[in-house]
Amino acid sequence: MTGYIGSSVREIEATPDAVLTAGLLDRLKDLDATRINKDDQIVLRKAVLGLLAIVAELEARIVELEAR
């Protein structure tokens, strides 16, 4: 067990060198604060879309590094 990870997105903080994660957390915190009717499905959907954007960026970086 790695310890307590928080019960809401507001409790999670990224390290200073985790720029992509910090960007995703900012989006999720905004969604959590403004979600309509406290609908977690919207937040989860946006979280998945945000993660896909990060994976796409990381994949592009890997391809670039492998091409060197």
C-alpha atoms as a PDB file:
ATOM      1  CA  MET A   1       0.000   0.000   0.000  1.00  0.00           C
ATOM      2  CA  THR A   2       1.432   3.379  -0.975  1.00  0.00           C
ATOM      3  CA  GLY A   3      -0.616   5.406   1.482  1.00  0.00           C
ATOM      4  CA  TYR A   4      -3.591   7.707   1.361  1.00  0.00           C
ATOM      5  CA  ILE A   5      -4.142   9.210  -2.104  1.00  0.00           C
ATOM      6  CA  GLY A   6      -7.093  11.464  -1.327  1.00  0.00           C
ATOM      7  CA  SER A   7     -10.825  11.159  -1.667  1.00  0.00           C
ATOM      8  CA  SER A   8     -11.262  13.972  -4.178  1.00  0.00           C
ATOM      9  CA  VAL A   9      -9.250  15.532  -6.966  1.00  0.00           C
ATOM     10  CA  ARG A  10      -8.832  18.682  -4.847  1.00  0.00           C
ATOM     11  CA  GLU A  11      -6.591  16.768  -2.440  1.00  0.00           C
ATOM     12  CA  ILE A  12      -4.112  15.653  -5.104  1.00  0.00           C
ATOM     13  CA  GLU A  13      -1.035  17.728  -5.933  1.00  0.00           C
ATOM     14  CA  ALA A  14       1.499  17.109  -8.694  1.00  0.00           C
ATOM     15  CA  THR A  15       5.216  17.505  -8.205  1.00  0.00           C
ATOM     16  CA  PRO A  16       6.800  20.575  -9.842  1.00  0.00           C
ATOM     17  CA  ASP A  17       8.413  18.487 -12.608  1.00  0.00           C
ATOM     18  CA  ALA A  18       5.110  16.765 -13.539  1.00  0.00           C
ATOM     19  CA  VAL A  19       3.885  19.473 -15.916  1.00  0.00           C
ATOM     20  CA  LEU A  20       1.446  17.303 -17.884  1.00  0.00           C
ATOM     21  CA  THR A  21      -0.057  15.840 -14.731  1.00  0.00           C
ATOM     22  CA  ALA A  22      -0.387  19.298 -13.182  1.00  0.00           C
ATOM     23  CA  GLY A  23      -2.243  20.486 -16.287  1.00  0.00           C
ATOM     24  CA  LEU A  24      -4.637  17.565 -16.093  1.00  0.00           C
ATOM     25  CA  LEU A  25      -5.192  18.143 -12.374  1.00  0.00           C
ATOM     26  CA  ASP A  26      -5.988  21.806 -13.030  1.00  0.00           C
ATOM     27  CA  ARG A  27      -8.613  20.778 -15.585  1.00  0.00           C
ATOM     28  CA  LEU A  28     -10.101  18.191 -13.267  1.00  0.00           C
ATOM     29  CA  LYS A  29     -10.212  20.574 -10.311  1.00  0.00           C
ATOM     30  CA  ASP A  30     -12.045  23.110 -12.470  1.00  0.00           C
ATOM     31  CA  LEU A  31     -14.500  20.442 -13.642  1.00  0.00           C
ATOM     32  CA  ASP A  32     -15.040  19.253 -10.089  1.00  0.00           C
ATOM     33  CA  ALA A  33     -15.783  22.791  -8.904  1.00  0.00           C
ATOM     34  CA  THR A  34     -18.214  23.589 -11.722  1.00  0.00           C
ATOM     35  CA  ARG A  35     -19.829  20.246 -12.534  1.00  0.00           C
ATOM     36  CA  ILE A  36     -23.510  20.285 -13.332  1.00  0.00           C
ATOM     37  CA  ASN A  37     -25.772  18.541 -10.805  1.00  0.00           C
ATOM     38  CA  LYS A  38     -22.680  17.013  -9.195  1.00  0.00           C
ATOM     39  CA  ASP A  39     -22.571  14.484 -12.060  1.00  0.00           C
ATOM     40  CA  ASP A  40     -19.427  12.385 -11.677  1.00  0.00           C
ATOM     41  CA  GLN A  41     -19.887  10.860 -15.137  1.00  0.00           C
ATOM     42  CA  ILE A  42     -18.984  14.176 -16.783  1.00  0.00           C
ATOM     43  CA  VAL A  43     -15.881  14.499 -14.614  1.00  0.00           C
ATOM     44  CA  LEU A  44     -14.819  10.934 -15.377  1.00  0.00           C
ATOM     45  CA  ARG A  45     -15.388  11.408 -19.099  1.00  0.00           C
ATOM     46  CA  LYS A  46     -13.294  14.582 -19.090  1.00  0.00           C
ATOM     47  CA  ALA A  47     -10.602  12.838 -17.054  1.00  0.00           C
ATOM     48  CA  VAL A  48     -10.353  10.075 -19.650  1.00  0.00           C
ATOM     49  CA  LEU A  49     -10.165  12.643 -22.461  1.00  0.00           C
ATOM     50  CA  GLY A  50      -7.466  14.530 -20.586  1.00  0.00           C
ATOM     51  CA  LEU A  51      -5.487  11.343 -20.060  1.00  0.00           C
ATOM     52  CA  LEU A  52      -5.773  10.505 -23.747  1.00  0.00           C
ATOM     53  CA  ALA A  53      -4.364  13.943 -24.620  1.00  0.00           C
ATOM     54  CA  ILE A  54      -1.412  13.339 -22.289  1.00  0.00           C
ATOM     55  CA  VAL A  55      -0.804   9.852 -23.722  1.00  0.00           C
ATOM     56  CA  ALA A  56      -0.835  11.301 -27.253  1.00  0.00           C
ATOM     57  CA  GLU A  57       1.730  13.932 -26.282  1.00  0.00           C
ATOM     58  CA  LEU A  58       3.936  11.360 -24.567  1.00  0.00           C
ATOM     59  CA  GLU A  59       3.690   9.060 -27.574  1.00  0.00           C
ATOM     60  CA  ALA A  60       4.788  11.894 -29.863  1.00  0.00           C
ATOM     61  CA  ARG A  61       7.773  12.563 -27.589  1.00  0.00           C
ATOM     62  CA  ILE A  62       8.744   8.879 -27.625  1.00  0.00           C
ATOM     63  CA  VAL A  63       8.568   8.764 -31.417  1.00  0.00           C
ATOM     64  CA  GLU A  64      10.727  11.897 -31.603  1.00  0.00           C
ATOM     65  CA  LEU A  65      13.309  10.440 -29.212  1.00  0.00           C
ATOM     66  CA  GLU A  66      13.402   7.118 -31.041  1.00  0.00           C
ATOM     67  CA  ALA A  67      14.019   8.922 -34.340  1.00  0.00           C
ATOM     68  CA  ARG A  68      17.256  10.444 -32.992  1.00  0.00           C
END
